[in-house]
């Protein structure tokens, strides 16, 4: 129904407007008595064999929602009814910011992809923190970043602020230094500044009565040498793991009219490269840390490729938009079949 009726209708309109409309629709439907339970019945796959224990947390299944969809933690409870094992909110920044000028979100239908240059648009970490206080059992990841106007030399203070603000409300943290849509942000992936940033957060983390997993989200555009640096940094700072990967700046092989738009590319064109990064990190580190695989998962086969390449968990975003919520169920059913 989604792919043959609802998606063609939604794809007639501006992507960002559709995103807000979809949020309103999901919220409205879940307020109707019985509908939350109905969605759970349709989409959830409950089986102890799907459970995963990764970096000390228990996931009811290995399929999560990637950051960027529910930036402000407005819909995590409702989205969990579609069968996700975990929800990652954000990217959140210390201060609210509007993000980049519109139009900033583009569909590439022929390529089953999206280009976005949103620019960390969000209402600020404190607003999201208040919403998360109402969480009823959803495993939450908190994706954190820096404000656009914060210079890189002061970026650590932004990440520390978000870390402290969210600490009691999220189950794990993701340090986002890999978005291409905040000026100079990716420079923080260089070995020296990244080590300093992660070490600062990990030192704060270890001083807590009970620490929480900190993960690093990396770009797919890193070279093998840079990926080896990432392995060294994780070993040195002792953070919990990696999310591979964020969006790409590559436009190789694209067919769609919007392929020249600036921003990060997600979706099917990223499938191969993100899996390559996962496999490289897993093999070169001797599986020293968990990896969450994300990028171009549009089918159960795509998800299995990432899991077989070394990912412990996977996340959806663009595939969720193109394929609909049934994709989550399909992946979980296929994982069970392969066991």
C-alpha atoms as a PDB file:
ATOM      1  CA  UNK A   1       0.000   0.000   0.000  1.00  0.00           C
ATOM      2  CA  UNK A   2       2.748   2.472   0.928  1.00  0.00           C
ATOM      3  CA  UNK A   3       4.906   2.016  -2.177  1.00  0.00           C
ATOM      4  CA  UNK A   4       2.039   1.834  -4.660  1.00  0.00           C
ATOM      5  CA  UNK A   5      -0.383   4.403  -3.238  1.00  0.00           C
ATOM      6  CA  UNK A   6       0.919   6.582  -0.426  1.00  0.00           C
ATOM      7  CA  UNK A   7       4.495   7.136  -1.613  1.00  0.00           C
ATOM      8  CA  UNK A   8       3.573   8.317  -5.149  1.00  0.00           C
ATOM      9  CA  UNK A   9       1.138  10.783  -3.587  1.00  0.00           C
ATOM     10  CA  UNK A  10       3.628  12.095  -1.034  1.00  0.00           C
ATOM     11  CA  UNK A  11       6.393  12.363  -3.634  1.00  0.00           C
ATOM     12  CA  UNK A  12       4.291  14.908  -5.559  1.00  0.00           C
ATOM     13  CA  UNK A  13       5.060  17.522  -2.905  1.00  0.00           C
ATOM     14  CA  UNK A  14       8.093  19.282  -1.438  1.00  0.00           C
ATOM     15  CA  UNK A  15      10.132  16.791   0.647  1.00  0.00           C
ATOM     16  CA  UNK A  16      10.477  18.966   3.737  1.00  0.00           C
ATOM     17  CA  UNK A  17       6.772  19.820   3.756  1.00  0.00           C
ATOM     18  CA  UNK A  18       5.967  16.124   3.366  1.00  0.00           C
ATOM     19  CA  UNK A  19       8.235  15.342   6.331  1.00  0.00           C
ATOM     20  CA  UNK A  20       6.280  17.715   8.574  1.00  0.00           C
ATOM     21  CA  UNK A  21       2.946  16.459   7.219  1.00  0.00           C
ATOM     22  CA  UNK A  22       3.970  12.847   7.851  1.00  0.00           C
ATOM     23  CA  UNK A  23       4.959  13.718  11.419  1.00  0.00           C
ATOM     24  CA  UNK A  24       1.552  15.285  12.019  1.00  0.00           C
ATOM     25  CA  UNK A  25      -0.219  12.296  10.469  1.00  0.00           C
ATOM     26  CA  UNK A  26       1.703   9.734  12.521  1.00  0.00           C
ATOM     27  CA  UNK A  27       1.079  11.707  15.713  1.00  0.00           C
ATOM     28  CA  UNK A  28      -2.647  12.022  14.923  1.00  0.00           C
ATOM     29  CA  UNK A  29      -3.107   8.333  14.103  1.00  0.00           C
ATOM     30  CA  UNK A  30      -1.318   7.210  17.247  1.00  0.00           C
ATOM     31  CA  UNK A  31      -3.687   9.307  19.370  1.00  0.00           C
ATOM     32  CA  UNK A  32      -6.673   7.320  18.091  1.00  0.00           C
ATOM     33  CA  UNK A  33      -7.451   4.596  20.650  1.00  0.00           C
ATOM     34  CA  UNK A  34      -6.112   1.245  19.541  1.00  0.00           C
ATOM     35  CA  UNK A  35      -4.006   2.502  16.641  1.00  0.00           C
ATOM     36  CA  UNK A  36      -0.650   2.295  18.430  1.00  0.00           C
ATOM     37  CA  UNK A  37      -1.375  -1.331  19.243  1.00  0.00           C
ATOM     38  CA  UNK A  38      -2.523  -1.927  15.661  1.00  0.00           C
ATOM     39  CA  UNK A  39       0.764  -0.593  14.230  1.00  0.00           C
ATOM     40  CA  UNK A  40       2.716  -2.758  16.661  1.00  0.00           C
ATOM     41  CA  UNK A  41       0.716  -5.805  15.617  1.00  0.00           C
ATOM     42  CA  UNK A  42       1.294  -5.126  11.914  1.00  0.00           C
ATOM     43  CA  UNK A  43       4.981  -4.188  11.977  1.00  0.00           C
ATOM     44  CA  UNK A  44       6.684  -5.598  15.074  1.00  0.00           C
ATOM     45  CA  UNK A  45       8.526  -8.902  14.977  1.00  0.00           C
ATOM     46  CA  UNK A  46       8.904 -10.205  18.521  1.00  0.00           C
ATOM     47  CA  UNK A  47      11.378 -13.012  18.991  1.00  0.00           C
ATOM     48  CA  UNK A  48      14.114 -13.487  21.606  1.00  0.00           C
ATOM     49  CA  UNK A  49      16.446 -14.572  18.794  1.00  0.00           C
ATOM     50  CA  UNK A  50      16.389 -11.008  17.450  1.00  0.00           C
ATOM     51  CA  UNK A  51      17.673  -9.532  20.699  1.00  0.00           C
ATOM     52  CA  UNK A  52      21.196  -8.166  20.671  1.00  0.00           C
ATOM     53  CA  UNK A  53      23.479  -7.072  23.487  1.00  0.00           C
ATOM     54  CA  UNK A  54      25.833  -4.427  22.128  1.00  0.00           C
ATOM     55  CA  UNK A  55      28.131  -2.102  24.124  1.00  0.00           C
ATOM     56  CA  UNK A  56      26.335  -3.166  27.286  1.00  0.00           C
ATOM     57  CA  UNK A  57      22.818  -2.359  26.060  1.00  0.00           C
ATOM     58  CA  UNK A  58      20.045  -4.813  25.223  1.00  0.00           C
ATOM     59  CA  UNK A  59      18.310  -4.158  21.892  1.00  0.00           C
ATOM     60  CA  UNK A  60      15.026  -5.954  21.209  1.00  0.00           C
ATOM     61  CA  UNK A  61      16.055  -6.222  17.548  1.00  0.00           C
ATOM     62  CA  UNK A  62      19.001  -4.926  15.500  1.00  0.00           C
ATOM     63  CA  UNK A  63      17.092  -2.486  13.250  1.00  0.00           C
ATOM     64  CA  UNK A  64      17.096   1.152  14.336  1.00  0.00           C
ATOM     65  CA  UNK A  65      16.056   4.536  13.002  1.00  0.00           C
ATOM     66  CA  UNK A  66      19.022   6.733  12.113  1.00  0.00           C
ATOM     67  CA  UNK A  67      19.502  10.285  13.327  1.00  0.00           C
ATOM     68  CA  UNK A  68      18.038  13.094  11.252  1.00  0.00           C
ATOM     69  CA  UNK A  69      14.484  11.801  10.994  1.00  0.00           C
ATOM     70  CA  UNK A  70      13.339  12.724  14.509  1.00  0.00           C
ATOM     71  CA  UNK A  71      15.844  15.490  15.197  1.00  0.00           C
ATOM     72  CA  UNK A  72      13.997  17.035  18.137  1.00  0.00           C
ATOM     73  CA  UNK A  73      12.720  13.881  19.833  1.00  0.00           C
ATOM     74  CA  UNK A  74       9.134  14.801  18.960  1.00  0.00           C
ATOM     75  CA  UNK A  75       7.966  11.417  17.645  1.00  0.00           C
ATOM     76  CA  UNK A  76      10.276   8.705  19.005  1.00  0.00           C
ATOM     77  CA  UNK A  77       7.495   6.990  20.977  1.00  0.00           C
ATOM     78  CA  UNK A  78       5.172   6.771  17.982  1.00  0.00           C
ATOM     79  CA  UNK A  79       7.949   5.728  15.591  1.00  0.00           C
ATOM     80  CA  UNK A  80       8.895   2.875  17.887  1.00  0.00           C
ATOM     81  CA  UNK A  81       5.487   1.319  17.107  1.00  0.00           C
ATOM     82  CA  UNK A  82       6.731   0.503  13.595  1.00  0.00           C
ATOM     83  CA  UNK A  83       9.053  -2.191  14.893  1.00  0.00           C
ATOM     84  CA  UNK A  84      12.331  -0.347  15.388  1.00  0.00           C
ATOM     85  CA  UNK A  85      14.643  -1.813  17.997  1.00  0.00           C
ATOM     86  CA  UNK A  86      15.992   1.627  18.849  1.00  0.00           C
ATOM     87  CA  UNK A  87      15.610   5.271  17.835  1.00  0.00           C
ATOM     88  CA  UNK A  88      18.423   7.788  17.405  1.00  0.00           C
ATOM     89  CA  UNK A  89      17.394  11.414  17.851  1.00  0.00           C
ATOM     90  CA  UNK A  90      19.303  14.516  16.759  1.00  0.00           C
ATOM     91  CA  UNK A  91      21.625  15.885  15.638  1.00  0.00           C
ATOM     92  CA  UNK A  92      21.117  18.263  18.567  1.00  0.00           C
ATOM     93  CA  UNK A  93      23.118  21.415  19.265  1.00  0.00           C
ATOM     94  CA  UNK A  94      23.400  23.520  22.439  1.00  0.00           C
ATOM     95  CA  UNK A  95      21.426  26.446  21.019  1.00  0.00           C
ATOM     96  CA  UNK A  96      18.408  26.248  18.719  1.00  0.00           C
ATOM     97  CA  UNK A  97      19.211  27.005  15.089  1.00  0.00           C
ATOM     98  CA  UNK A  98      17.213  27.264  11.878  1.00  0.00           C
ATOM     99  CA  UNK A  99      19.688  25.418   9.699  1.00  0.00           C
ATOM    100  CA  UNK A 100      20.472  26.352   6.131  1.00  0.00           C
ATOM    101  CA  UNK A 101      18.136  28.352   3.856  1.00  0.00           C
ATOM    102  CA  UNK A 102      15.358  26.452   2.110  1.00  0.00           C
ATOM    103  CA  UNK A 103      15.095  24.664  -0.316  1.00  0.00           C
ATOM    104  CA  UNK A 104      17.484  22.187   1.300  1.00  0.00           C
ATOM    105  CA  UNK A 105      16.048  18.695   0.814  1.00  0.00           C
ATOM    106  CA  UNK A 106      15.883  16.986  -2.584  1.00  0.00           C
ATOM    107  CA  UNK A 107      14.629  13.623  -3.804  1.00  0.00           C
ATOM    108  CA  UNK A 108      16.573  11.763  -6.466  1.00  0.00           C
ATOM    109  CA  UNK A 109      13.846   9.323  -7.499  1.00  0.00           C
ATOM    110  CA  UNK A 110      15.756   7.608 -10.307  1.00  0.00           C
ATOM    111  CA  UNK A 111      18.610   6.904  -7.884  1.00  0.00           C
ATOM    112  CA  UNK A 112      16.435   6.073  -4.849  1.00  0.00           C
ATOM    113  CA  UNK A 113      18.349   8.735  -2.966  1.00  0.00           C
ATOM    114  CA  UNK A 114      18.078  12.027  -1.120  1.00  0.00           C
ATOM    115  CA  UNK A 115      20.365  15.046  -0.982  1.00  0.00           C
ATOM    116  CA  UNK A 116      20.068  17.201   2.107  1.00  0.00           C
ATOM    117  CA  UNK A 117      21.813  20.333   3.286  1.00  0.00           C
ATOM    118  CA  UNK A 118      19.651  20.855   6.361  1.00  0.00           C
ATOM    119  CA  UNK A 119      22.481  22.179   8.537  1.00  0.00           C
ATOM    120  CA  UNK A 120      21.598  20.787  11.978  1.00  0.00           C
ATOM    121  CA  UNK A 121      18.213  22.535  12.147  1.00  0.00           C
ATOM    122  CA  UNK A 122      16.853  21.800  15.629  1.00  0.00           C
ATOM    123  CA  UNK A 123      15.193  23.389  18.634  1.00  0.00           C
ATOM    124  CA  UNK A 124      18.196  22.919  20.892  1.00  0.00           C
ATOM    125  CA  UNK A 125      19.213  20.167  23.271  1.00  0.00           C
ATOM    126  CA  UNK A 126      17.238  21.443  26.266  1.00  0.00           C
ATOM    127  CA  UNK A 127      13.879  21.241  24.464  1.00  0.00           C
ATOM    128  CA  UNK A 128      14.576  17.686  23.337  1.00  0.00           C
ATOM    129  CA  UNK A 129      15.682  16.763  26.835  1.00  0.00           C
ATOM    130  CA  UNK A 130      12.265  17.754  28.213  1.00  0.00           C
ATOM    131  CA  UNK A 131      10.496  15.573  25.647  1.00  0.00           C
ATOM    132  CA  UNK A 132      12.712  12.614  26.450  1.00  0.00           C
ATOM    133  CA  UNK A 133      11.608  12.738  30.073  1.00  0.00           C
ATOM    134  CA  UNK A 134       8.306  11.252  28.859  1.00  0.00           C
ATOM    135  CA  UNK A 135      10.000   8.217  27.301  1.00  0.00           C
ATOM    136  CA  UNK A 136       8.187   4.962  27.945  1.00  0.00           C
ATOM    137  CA  UNK A 137      10.679   2.206  27.279  1.00  0.00           C
ATOM    138  CA  UNK A 138      12.194   3.243  23.934  1.00  0.00           C
ATOM    139  CA  UNK A 139      15.957   2.697  23.647  1.00  0.00           C
ATOM    140  CA  UNK A 140      17.290   6.111  22.613  1.00  0.00           C
ATOM    141  CA  UNK A 141      20.540   7.255  21.066  1.00  0.00           C
ATOM    142  CA  UNK A 142      21.467  10.912  21.369  1.00  0.00           C
ATOM    143  CA  UNK A 143      23.285  12.331  18.339  1.00  0.00           C
ATOM    144  CA  UNK A 144      25.118  15.558  19.248  1.00  0.00           C
ATOM    145  CA  UNK A 145      26.898  18.276  17.291  1.00  0.00           C
ATOM    146  CA  UNK A 146      28.064  21.861  17.425  1.00  0.00           C
ATOM    147  CA  UNK A 147      26.296  25.072  16.523  1.00  0.00           C
ATOM    148  CA  UNK A 148      27.126  26.551  13.122  1.00  0.00           C
ATOM    149  CA  UNK A 149      28.598  29.726  14.615  1.00  0.00           C
ATOM    150  CA  UNK A 150      30.835  27.923  17.095  1.00  0.00           C
ATOM    151  CA  UNK A 151      34.424  27.914  15.773  1.00  0.00           C
ATOM    152  CA  UNK A 152      36.146  24.544  15.631  1.00  0.00           C
ATOM    153  CA  UNK A 153      38.591  25.618  18.349  1.00  0.00           C
ATOM    154  CA  UNK A 154      35.612  25.881  20.725  1.00  0.00           C
ATOM    155  CA  UNK A 155      33.630  22.916  19.379  1.00  0.00           C
ATOM    156  CA  UNK A 156      34.456  20.658  22.317  1.00  0.00           C
ATOM    157  CA  UNK A 157      32.481  22.904  24.664  1.00  0.00           C
ATOM    158  CA  UNK A 158      29.369  22.447  22.477  1.00  0.00           C
ATOM    159  CA  UNK A 159      29.668  18.669  22.567  1.00  0.00           C
ATOM    160  CA  UNK A 160      30.275  18.710  26.324  1.00  0.00           C
ATOM    161  CA  UNK A 161      27.187  20.875  26.844  1.00  0.00           C
ATOM    162  CA  UNK A 162      24.986  18.468  24.868  1.00  0.00           C
ATOM    163  CA  UNK A 163      26.537  15.448  26.578  1.00  0.00           C
ATOM    164  CA  UNK A 164      25.794  16.786  30.049  1.00  0.00           C
ATOM    165  CA  UNK A 165      22.287  17.977  29.104  1.00  0.00           C
ATOM    166  CA  UNK A 166      21.226  14.617  27.659  1.00  0.00           C
ATOM    167  CA  UNK A 167      23.111  12.258  29.928  1.00  0.00           C
ATOM    168  CA  UNK A 168      20.194  11.109  32.081  1.00  0.00           C
ATOM    169  CA  UNK A 169      17.777  10.747  29.148  1.00  0.00           C
ATOM    170  CA  UNK A 170      19.579   8.749  26.463  1.00  0.00           C
ATOM    171  CA  UNK A 171      21.016   5.238  26.411  1.00  0.00           C
ATOM    172  CA  UNK A 172      24.006   5.985  24.193  1.00  0.00           C
ATOM    173  CA  UNK A 173      25.666   8.998  22.562  1.00  0.00           C
ATOM    174  CA  UNK A 174      26.779   9.637  18.998  1.00  0.00           C
ATOM    175  CA  UNK A 175      29.405  12.284  18.272  1.00  0.00           C
ATOM    176  CA  UNK A 176      28.627  13.712  14.833  1.00  0.00           C
ATOM    177  CA  UNK A 177      31.659  15.304  13.207  1.00  0.00           C
ATOM    178  CA  UNK A 178      30.868  13.976   9.739  1.00  0.00           C
ATOM    179  CA  UNK A 179      27.919  16.002   8.437  1.00  0.00           C
ATOM    180  CA  UNK A 180      28.913  17.894   5.272  1.00  0.00           C
ATOM    181  CA  UNK A 181      26.341  20.631   5.914  1.00  0.00           C
ATOM    182  CA  UNK A 182      27.975  22.574   8.768  1.00  0.00           C
ATOM    183  CA  UNK A 183      31.000  24.590   7.578  1.00  0.00           C
ATOM    184  CA  UNK A 184      34.359  23.040   8.563  1.00  0.00           C
ATOM    185  CA  UNK A 185      32.707  20.369  10.740  1.00  0.00           C
ATOM    186  CA  UNK A 186      34.443  17.511   8.939  1.00  0.00           C
ATOM    187  CA  UNK A 187      37.821  19.025   9.843  1.00  0.00           C
ATOM    188  CA  UNK A 188      37.103  17.709  13.351  1.00  0.00           C
ATOM    189  CA  UNK A 189      37.593  14.191  11.930  1.00  0.00           C
ATOM    190  CA  UNK A 190      41.344  14.872  11.716  1.00  0.00           C
ATOM    191  CA  UNK A 191      43.278  12.776  14.172  1.00  0.00           C
ATOM    192  CA  UNK A 192      44.412  15.404  16.664  1.00  0.00           C
ATOM    193  CA  UNK A 193      41.156  17.379  17.177  1.00  0.00           C
ATOM    194  CA  UNK A 194      39.051  14.211  17.116  1.00  0.00           C
ATOM    195  CA  UNK A 195      41.199  12.487  19.726  1.00  0.00           C
ATOM    196  CA  UNK A 196      41.020  15.555  21.974  1.00  0.00           C
ATOM    197  CA  UNK A 197      37.221  15.826  21.589  1.00  0.00           C
ATOM    198  CA  UNK A 198      36.528  12.156  22.253  1.00  0.00           C
ATOM    199  CA  UNK A 199      38.991  11.979  25.141  1.00  0.00           C
ATOM    200  CA  UNK A 200      37.310  14.964  26.812  1.00  0.00           C
ATOM    201  CA  UNK A 201      33.882  13.343  26.535  1.00  0.00           C
ATOM    202  CA  UNK A 202      35.155   9.949  27.661  1.00  0.00           C
ATOM    203  CA  UNK A 203      36.860  11.452  30.701  1.00  0.00           C
ATOM    204  CA  UNK A 204      33.562  13.086  31.703  1.00  0.00           C
ATOM    205  CA  UNK A 205      31.772   9.822  30.964  1.00  0.00           C
ATOM    206  CA  UNK A 206      34.061   7.720  33.143  1.00  0.00           C
ATOM    207  CA  UNK A 207      33.570  10.132  36.052  1.00  0.00           C
ATOM    208  CA  UNK A 208      29.826   9.384  36.117  1.00  0.00           C
ATOM    209  CA  UNK A 209      28.442   6.800  38.573  1.00  0.00           C
ATOM    210  CA  UNK A 210      27.563   4.716  35.514  1.00  0.00           C
ATOM    211  CA  UNK A 211      29.071   5.581  32.141  1.00  0.00           C
ATOM    212  CA  UNK A 212      27.177   5.402  28.828  1.00  0.00           C
ATOM    213  CA  UNK A 213      28.401   4.213  25.430  1.00  0.00           C
ATOM    214  CA  UNK A 214      29.869   6.932  23.212  1.00  0.00           C
ATOM    215  CA  UNK A 215      29.994   6.239  19.471  1.00  0.00           C
ATOM    216  CA  UNK A 216      31.579   8.166  16.631  1.00  0.00           C
ATOM    217  CA  UNK A 217      29.696   8.745  13.367  1.00  0.00           C
ATOM    218  CA  UNK A 218      32.051   8.890  10.418  1.00  0.00           C
ATOM    219  CA  UNK A 219      31.830   9.936   6.780  1.00  0.00           C
ATOM    220  CA  UNK A 220      31.973   7.422   3.930  1.00  0.00           C
ATOM    221  CA  UNK A 221      34.444   9.692   2.142  1.00  0.00           C
ATOM    222  CA  UNK A 222      37.385   8.907   4.445  1.00  0.00           C
ATOM    223  CA  UNK A 223      40.474   7.293   2.918  1.00  0.00           C
ATOM    224  CA  UNK A 224      41.858   3.980   4.140  1.00  0.00           C
ATOM    225  CA  UNK A 225      44.589   5.894   5.977  1.00  0.00           C
ATOM    226  CA  UNK A 226      41.984   8.032   7.728  1.00  0.00           C
ATOM    227  CA  UNK A 227      39.987   4.929   8.641  1.00  0.00           C
ATOM    228  CA  UNK A 228      43.108   3.420  10.190  1.00  0.00           C
ATOM    229  CA  UNK A 229      43.429   6.652  12.196  1.00  0.00           C
ATOM    230  CA  UNK A 230      39.839   6.144  13.376  1.00  0.00           C
ATOM    231  CA  UNK A 231      40.746   2.667  14.634  1.00  0.00           C
ATOM    232  CA  UNK A 232      43.735   4.102  16.516  1.00  0.00           C
ATOM    233  CA  UNK A 233      41.603   6.878  18.030  1.00  0.00           C
ATOM    234  CA  UNK A 234      38.977   4.426  19.275  1.00  0.00           C
ATOM    235  CA  UNK A 235      41.689   2.277  20.804  1.00  0.00           C
ATOM    236  CA  UNK A 236      43.271   5.299  22.510  1.00  0.00           C
ATOM    237  CA  UNK A 237      40.085   6.966  23.787  1.00  0.00           C
ATOM    238  CA  UNK A 238      38.267   3.694  24.549  1.00  0.00           C
ATOM    239  CA  UNK A 239      34.924   4.915  23.202  1.00  0.00           C
ATOM    240  CA  UNK A 240      32.322   2.201  22.565  1.00  0.00           C
ATOM    241  CA  UNK A 241      32.161   2.041  18.775  1.00  0.00           C
ATOM    242  CA  UNK A 242      31.421   3.575  15.388  1.00  0.00           C
ATOM    243  CA  UNK A 243      28.434   4.422  13.209  1.00  0.00           C
ATOM    244  CA  UNK A 244      29.349   3.896   9.571  1.00  0.00           C
ATOM    245  CA  UNK A 245      28.378   5.941   7.678  1.00  0.00           C
ATOM    246  CA  UNK A 246      26.977   9.439   7.351  1.00  0.00           C
ATOM    247  CA  UNK A 247      26.030  10.955   3.969  1.00  0.00           C
ATOM    248  CA  UNK A 248      28.523  11.302   1.122  1.00  0.00           C
ATOM    249  CA  UNK A 249      29.706  14.189  -1.043  1.00  0.00           C
ATOM    250  CA  UNK A 250      30.254  11.816  -3.968  1.00  0.00           C
ATOM    251  CA  UNK A 251      27.948  12.099  -6.973  1.00  0.00           C
ATOM    252  CA  UNK A 252      29.363   9.165  -8.911  1.00  0.00           C
ATOM    253  CA  UNK A 253      26.906   7.367 -11.180  1.00  0.00           C
ATOM    254  CA  UNK A 254      23.843   9.488 -10.388  1.00  0.00           C
ATOM    255  CA  UNK A 255      21.074   9.835 -12.988  1.00  0.00           C
ATOM    256  CA  UNK A 256      18.587  12.218 -11.372  1.00  0.00           C
ATOM    257  CA  UNK A 257      17.994  15.829 -12.293  1.00  0.00           C
ATOM    258  CA  UNK A 258      18.848  17.034  -8.781  1.00  0.00           C
ATOM    259  CA  UNK A 259      22.268  15.340  -8.692  1.00  0.00           C
ATOM    260  CA  UNK A 260      24.155  18.659  -8.784  1.00  0.00           C
ATOM    261  CA  UNK A 261      22.545  20.017  -5.614  1.00  0.00           C
ATOM    262  CA  UNK A 262      24.957  20.712  -2.759  1.00  0.00           C
ATOM    263  CA  UNK A 263      24.708  18.637   0.403  1.00  0.00           C
ATOM    264  CA  UNK A 264      25.029  15.098   1.694  1.00  0.00           C
ATOM    265  CA  UNK A 265      23.791  12.220  -0.444  1.00  0.00           C
ATOM    266  CA  UNK A 266      22.007   9.289   1.221  1.00  0.00           C
ATOM    267  CA  UNK A 267      20.167   6.260  -0.074  1.00  0.00           C
ATOM    268  CA  UNK A 268      20.881   3.499  -2.582  1.00  0.00           C
ATOM    269  CA  UNK A 269      24.043   5.031  -4.118  1.00  0.00           C
ATOM    270  CA  UNK A 270      25.677   4.760  -0.689  1.00  0.00           C
ATOM    271  CA  UNK A 271      24.970   1.044  -0.200  1.00  0.00           C
ATOM    272  CA  UNK A 272      28.274  -0.298  -1.499  1.00  0.00           C
ATOM    273  CA  UNK A 273      30.610   2.300   0.020  1.00  0.00           C
ATOM    274  CA  UNK A 274      29.120   2.184   3.514  1.00  0.00           C
ATOM    275  CA  UNK A 275      29.447  -1.613   3.505  1.00  0.00           C
ATOM    276  CA  UNK A 276      33.069  -1.300   2.367  1.00  0.00           C
ATOM    277  CA  UNK A 277      33.809   1.019   5.292  1.00  0.00           C
ATOM    278  CA  UNK A 278      32.147  -1.389   7.743  1.00  0.00           C
ATOM    279  CA  UNK A 279      34.157  -4.337   6.409  1.00  0.00           C
ATOM    280  CA  UNK A 280      37.429  -2.374   6.477  1.00  0.00           C
ATOM    281  CA  UNK A 281      36.949  -1.214  10.070  1.00  0.00           C
ATOM    282  CA  UNK A 282      35.870  -4.662  11.230  1.00  0.00           C
ATOM    283  CA  UNK A 283      38.736  -6.519   9.565  1.00  0.00           C
ATOM    284  CA  UNK A 284      41.531  -4.038  10.280  1.00  0.00           C
ATOM    285  CA  UNK A 285      40.544  -3.709  13.949  1.00  0.00           C
ATOM    286  CA  UNK A 286      40.045  -7.468  14.372  1.00  0.00           C
ATOM    287  CA  UNK A 287      36.454  -6.707  15.414  1.00  0.00           C
ATOM    288  CA  UNK A 288      37.746  -4.679  18.357  1.00  0.00           C
ATOM    289  CA  UNK A 289      34.600  -2.569  18.670  1.00  0.00           C
ATOM    290  CA  UNK A 290      30.913  -2.690  17.609  1.00  0.00           C
ATOM    291  CA  UNK A 291      29.796  -0.988  14.415  1.00  0.00           C
ATOM    292  CA  UNK A 292      26.309   0.295  13.590  1.00  0.00           C
ATOM    293  CA  UNK A 293      25.835   0.054   9.834  1.00  0.00           C
ATOM    294  CA  UNK A 294      23.841   2.715   8.020  1.00  0.00           C
ATOM    295  CA  UNK A 295      23.723   3.881   4.417  1.00  0.00           C
ATOM    296  CA  UNK A 296      21.658   2.640   1.508  1.00  0.00           C
ATOM    297  CA  UNK A 297      19.652  -0.078   3.252  1.00  0.00           C
ATOM    298  CA  UNK A 298      16.592  -0.506   1.031  1.00  0.00           C
ATOM    299  CA  UNK A 299      16.066  -4.255   1.419  1.00  0.00           C
ATOM    300  CA  UNK A 300      16.660  -7.162   3.763  1.00  0.00           C
ATOM    301  CA  UNK A 301      19.598  -8.180   1.563  1.00  0.00           C
ATOM    302  CA  UNK A 302      21.214  -4.753   2.051  1.00  0.00           C
ATOM    303  CA  UNK A 303      20.884  -5.098   5.819  1.00  0.00           C
ATOM    304  CA  UNK A 304      22.312  -8.624   5.835  1.00  0.00           C
ATOM    305  CA  UNK A 305      25.303  -7.492   3.770  1.00  0.00           C
ATOM    306  CA  UNK A 306      26.160  -4.947   6.441  1.00  0.00           C
ATOM    307  CA  UNK A 307      25.688  -7.404   9.270  1.00  0.00           C
ATOM    308  CA  UNK A 308      27.848  -9.971   7.459  1.00  0.00           C
ATOM    309  CA  UNK A 309      30.475  -7.285   6.816  1.00  0.00           C
ATOM    310  CA  UNK A 310      30.848  -6.741  10.550  1.00  0.00           C
ATOM    311  CA  UNK A 311      27.997  -4.527  11.740  1.00  0.00           C
ATOM    312  CA  UNK A 312      26.317  -5.475  15.017  1.00  0.00           C
ATOM    313  CA  UNK A 313      23.243  -3.319  14.359  1.00  0.00           C
ATOM    314  CA  UNK A 314      21.827  -1.412  11.387  1.00  0.00           C
ATOM    315  CA  UNK A 315      19.903   1.832  10.941  1.00  0.00           C
ATOM    316  CA  UNK A 316      17.470   3.093   8.314  1.00  0.00           C
ATOM    317  CA  UNK A 317      16.623   6.552   7.061  1.00  0.00           C
ATOM    318  CA  UNK A 318      16.304   7.011   3.291  1.00  0.00           C
ATOM    319  CA  UNK A 319      15.302   3.368   2.840  1.00  0.00           C
ATOM    320  CA  UNK A 320      12.522   3.928   5.367  1.00  0.00           C
ATOM    321  CA  UNK A 321      11.255   6.840   3.271  1.00  0.00           C
ATOM    322  CA  UNK A 322      11.411   4.962  -0.057  1.00  0.00           C
ATOM    323  CA  UNK A 323      10.282   1.523   1.118  1.00  0.00           C
ATOM    324  CA  UNK A 324       7.988   2.367   4.047  1.00  0.00           C
ATOM    325  CA  UNK A 325       7.677   0.826   7.510  1.00  0.00           C
ATOM    326  CA  UNK A 326       7.272  -2.728   6.216  1.00  0.00           C
ATOM    327  CA  UNK A 327      11.013  -2.708   5.503  1.00  0.00           C
ATOM    328  CA  UNK A 328      11.744  -3.001   9.235  1.00  0.00           C
ATOM    329  CA  UNK A 329       9.581  -6.108   9.517  1.00  0.00           C
ATOM    330  CA  UNK A 330      11.057  -7.607   6.352  1.00  0.00           C
ATOM    331  CA  UNK A 331      14.617  -7.199   7.641  1.00  0.00           C
ATOM    332  CA  UNK A 332      13.824  -8.717  11.025  1.00  0.00           C
ATOM    333  CA  UNK A 333      12.002 -11.650   9.433  1.00  0.00           C
ATOM    334  CA  UNK A 334      14.932 -12.270   7.095  1.00  0.00           C
ATOM    335  CA  UNK A 335      17.418 -12.179   9.998  1.00  0.00           C
ATOM    336  CA  UNK A 336      15.355 -14.826  11.781  1.00  0.00           C
ATOM    337  CA  UNK A 337      15.266 -16.928   8.623  1.00  0.00           C
ATOM    338  CA  UNK A 338      19.066 -16.788   8.338  1.00  0.00           C
ATOM    339  CA  UNK A 339      19.650 -17.914  11.931  1.00  0.00           C
END
